[in-house]
Amino acid sequence: MMQPPLLFTVSNHHAESSGKPPSVDGDIRKRYHGYFENGYGEQCVFVYDYEVGEGTLWMGDAGWGRTHPVVDGDVPELLMDEHEKAWLMACWKAAMVRKGM
C-alpha cells in the first residue's frame, strides 16, 4: 500500500544542547498538533491528546526534553512573548472546538 505524501516536515533549528526534539505523528486523529517558529527561529510544538484530555508544549529554547502542561491555553511556568502566546491560544481554541465535536 502506498503511503500518502507528507504534508509538513521541519528540521530542528536549535543547538544540540537543547536536547532531542519531539517526534510527533500528525496522522493520529486522536490528537491536535500545532507548530510555531517565532521571529528568532525558536521552535514550539503543541499537542492536545483527546484520549487523556491534556495539552503539552515543547519549546526548543526551553529544552526539547522538558514537556510543559498547557492549561486553558497557557503555560504559566514559561516566559513567552505575545506571538507565542497568541499562537498557543489559537491552538488551544482549535483543539477545544474539535474536542466538542
C-alpha atoms as a PDB file:
ATOM      1  CA  MET A   1       0.000   0.000   0.000  1.00  0.00           C
ATOM      2  CA  MET A   2       1.344   3.431  -0.955  1.00  0.00           C
ATOM      3  CA  GLN A   3       1.980   5.976   1.776  1.00  0.00           C
ATOM      4  CA  PRO A   4       0.320   9.346   1.201  1.00  0.00           C
ATOM      5  CA  PRO A   5       2.738  12.231   0.608  1.00  0.00           C
ATOM      6  CA  LEU A   6       3.883  14.189   3.644  1.00  0.00           C
ATOM      7  CA  LEU A   7       2.148  17.475   4.257  1.00  0.00           C
ATOM      8  CA  PHE A   8       4.740  19.092   6.500  1.00  0.00           C
ATOM      9  CA  THR A   9       8.263  18.384   7.745  1.00  0.00           C
ATOM     10  CA  VAL A  10      10.670  20.656   9.566  1.00  0.00           C
ATOM     11  CA  SER A  11      14.177  20.218  10.910  1.00  0.00           C
ATOM     12  CA  ASN A  12      15.415  21.199  14.351  1.00  0.00           C
ATOM     13  CA  HIS A  13      16.890  24.716  14.370  1.00  0.00           C
ATOM     14  CA  HIS A  14      18.185  24.556  17.942  1.00  0.00           C
ATOM     15  CA  ALA A  15      21.633  23.643  19.189  1.00  0.00           C
ATOM     16  CA  GLU A  16      22.338  20.052  20.150  1.00  0.00           C
ATOM     17  CA  SER A  17      22.454  21.196  23.785  1.00  0.00           C
ATOM     18  CA  SER A  18      18.666  21.830  23.592  1.00  0.00           C
ATOM     19  CA  GLY A  19      18.182  18.075  23.524  1.00  0.00           C
ATOM     20  CA  LYS A  20      16.338  15.787  21.171  1.00  0.00           C
ATOM     21  CA  PRO A  21      13.248  17.411  19.655  1.00  0.00           C
ATOM     22  CA  PRO A  22       9.902  15.624  19.921  1.00  0.00           C
ATOM     23  CA  SER A  23       8.838  13.327  17.126  1.00  0.00           C
ATOM     24  CA  VAL A  24       5.147  13.940  16.517  1.00  0.00           C
ATOM     25  CA  ASP A  25       2.952  11.702  14.396  1.00  0.00           C
ATOM     26  CA  GLY A  26       0.452  14.123  12.902  1.00  0.00           C
ATOM     27  CA  ASP A  27      -1.656  11.335  11.401  1.00  0.00           C
ATOM     28  CA  ILE A  28      -3.034  10.223  14.747  1.00  0.00           C
ATOM     29  CA  ARG A  29      -6.588  11.569  14.652  1.00  0.00           C
ATOM     30  CA  LYS A  30      -6.889  11.412  18.427  1.00  0.00           C
ATOM     31  CA  ARG A  31      -4.570  14.421  18.758  1.00  0.00           C
ATOM     32  CA  TYR A  32      -4.425  18.051  17.699  1.00  0.00           C
ATOM     33  CA  HIS A  33      -0.989  19.230  16.542  1.00  0.00           C
ATOM     34  CA  GLY A  34       0.460  22.704  16.119  1.00  0.00           C
ATOM     35  CA  TYR A  35       3.871  24.075  15.134  1.00  0.00           C
ATOM     36  CA  PHE A  36       5.217  27.607  15.540  1.00  0.00           C
ATOM     37  CA  GLU A  37       8.500  29.334  14.830  1.00  0.00           C
ATOM     38  CA  ASN A  38       8.977  32.835  16.202  1.00  0.00           C
ATOM     39  CA  GLY A  39      10.896  35.648  14.524  1.00  0.00           C
ATOM     40  CA  TYR A  40      14.157  34.415  16.055  1.00  0.00           C
ATOM     41  CA  GLY A  41      13.750  30.898  14.673  1.00  0.00           C
ATOM     42  CA  GLU A  42      12.842  29.405  18.074  1.00  0.00           C
ATOM     43  CA  GLN A  43      10.504  26.461  17.572  1.00  0.00           C
ATOM     44  CA  CYS A  44       7.453  25.298  19.512  1.00  0.00           C
ATOM     45  CA  VAL A  45       5.298  22.178  19.205  1.00  0.00           C
ATOM     46  CA  PHE A  46       1.853  21.798  20.779  1.00  0.00           C
ATOM     47  CA  VAL A  47      -0.100  18.553  21.066  1.00  0.00           C
ATOM     48  CA  TYR A  48      -3.551  18.085  22.580  1.00  0.00           C
ATOM     49  CA  ASP A  49      -4.364  14.447  23.323  1.00  0.00           C
ATOM     50  CA  TYR A  50      -8.132  13.898  23.249  1.00  0.00           C
ATOM     51  CA  GLU A  51      -7.924  10.494  24.934  1.00  0.00           C
ATOM     52  CA  VAL A  52      -6.353  11.888  28.111  1.00  0.00           C
ATOM     53  CA  GLY A  53      -7.696  15.448  27.825  1.00  0.00           C
ATOM     54  CA  GLU A  54      -4.304  17.152  28.111  1.00  0.00           C
ATOM     55  CA  GLY A  55      -2.279  19.678  26.161  1.00  0.00           C
ATOM     56  CA  THR A  56       1.516  19.596  26.067  1.00  0.00           C
ATOM     57  CA  LEU A  57       4.018  22.151  24.790  1.00  0.00           C
ATOM     58  CA  TRP A  58       7.657  21.643  23.795  1.00  0.00           C
ATOM     59  CA  MET A  59       9.926  24.635  23.164  1.00  0.00           C
ATOM     60  CA  GLY A  60      13.422  24.275  21.802  1.00  0.00           C
ATOM     61  CA  ASP A  61      14.761  27.301  23.649  1.00  0.00           C
ATOM     62  CA  ALA A  62      13.399  25.860  26.926  1.00  0.00           C
ATOM     63  CA  GLY A  63      14.999  22.476  26.200  1.00  0.00           C
ATOM     64  CA  TRP A  64      13.246  19.931  23.987  1.00  0.00           C
ATOM     65  CA  GLY A  65      13.421  17.282  26.691  1.00  0.00           C
ATOM     66  CA  ARG A  66      11.119  19.209  29.022  1.00  0.00           C
ATOM     67  CA  THR A  67       7.387  18.977  28.490  1.00  0.00           C
ATOM     68  CA  HIS A  68       5.135  21.770  29.679  1.00  0.00           C
ATOM     69  CA  PRO A  69       1.474  21.171  30.526  1.00  0.00           C
ATOM     70  CA  VAL A  70      -0.910  23.600  28.839  1.00  0.00           C
ATOM     71  CA  VAL A  71      -3.883  24.664  30.958  1.00  0.00           C
ATOM     72  CA  ASP A  72      -6.654  26.716  29.364  1.00  0.00           C
ATOM     73  CA  GLY A  73      -4.272  27.764  26.581  1.00  0.00           C
ATOM     74  CA  ASP A  74      -1.498  28.971  28.866  1.00  0.00           C
ATOM     75  CA  VAL A  75       1.786  27.753  30.356  1.00  0.00           C
ATOM     76  CA  PRO A  76       2.398  29.997  33.386  1.00  0.00           C
ATOM     77  CA  GLU A  77       5.801  28.453  34.120  1.00  0.00           C
ATOM     78  CA  LEU A  78       7.243  29.721  30.806  1.00  0.00           C
ATOM     79  CA  LEU A  79       8.158  33.203  29.718  1.00  0.00           C
ATOM     80  CA  MET A  80       6.540  33.527  26.286  1.00  0.00           C
ATOM     81  CA  ASP A  81       6.320  36.555  24.008  1.00  0.00           C
ATOM     82  CA  GLU A  82       2.988  37.876  22.728  1.00  0.00           C
ATOM     83  CA  HIS A  83       3.246  35.999  19.418  1.00  0.00           C
ATOM     84  CA  GLU A  84       3.947  32.661  21.092  1.00  0.00           C
ATOM     85  CA  LYS A  85       1.049  33.224  23.485  1.00  0.00           C
ATOM     86  CA  ALA A  86      -1.309  34.138  20.627  1.00  0.00           C
ATOM     87  CA  TRP A  87      -0.281  31.030  18.665  1.00  0.00           C
ATOM     88  CA  LEU A  88      -0.705  28.758  21.685  1.00  0.00           C
ATOM     89  CA  MET A  89      -4.156  30.196  22.454  1.00  0.00           C
ATOM     90  CA  ALA A  90      -5.192  29.703  18.805  1.00  0.00           C
ATOM     91  CA  CYS A  91      -4.068  26.056  19.014  1.00  0.00           C
ATOM     92  CA  TRP A  92      -5.926  25.600  22.290  1.00  0.00           C
ATOM     93  CA  LYS A  93      -9.148  27.062  20.889  1.00  0.00           C
ATOM     94  CA  ALA A  94      -8.930  24.896  17.760  1.00  0.00           C
ATOM     95  CA  ALA A  95      -8.346  21.801  19.900  1.00  0.00           C
ATOM     96  CA  MET A  96     -11.326  22.654  22.087  1.00  0.00           C
ATOM     97  CA  VAL A  97     -13.638  23.094  19.075  1.00  0.00           C
ATOM     98  CA  ARG A  98     -12.650  19.678  17.786  1.00  0.00           C
ATOM     99  CA  LYS A  99     -12.980  18.214  21.276  1.00  0.00           C
ATOM    100  CA  GLY A 100     -16.606  19.351  21.341  1.00  0.00           C
ATOM    101  CA  MET A 101     -17.454  17.576  18.094  1.00  0.00           C
END
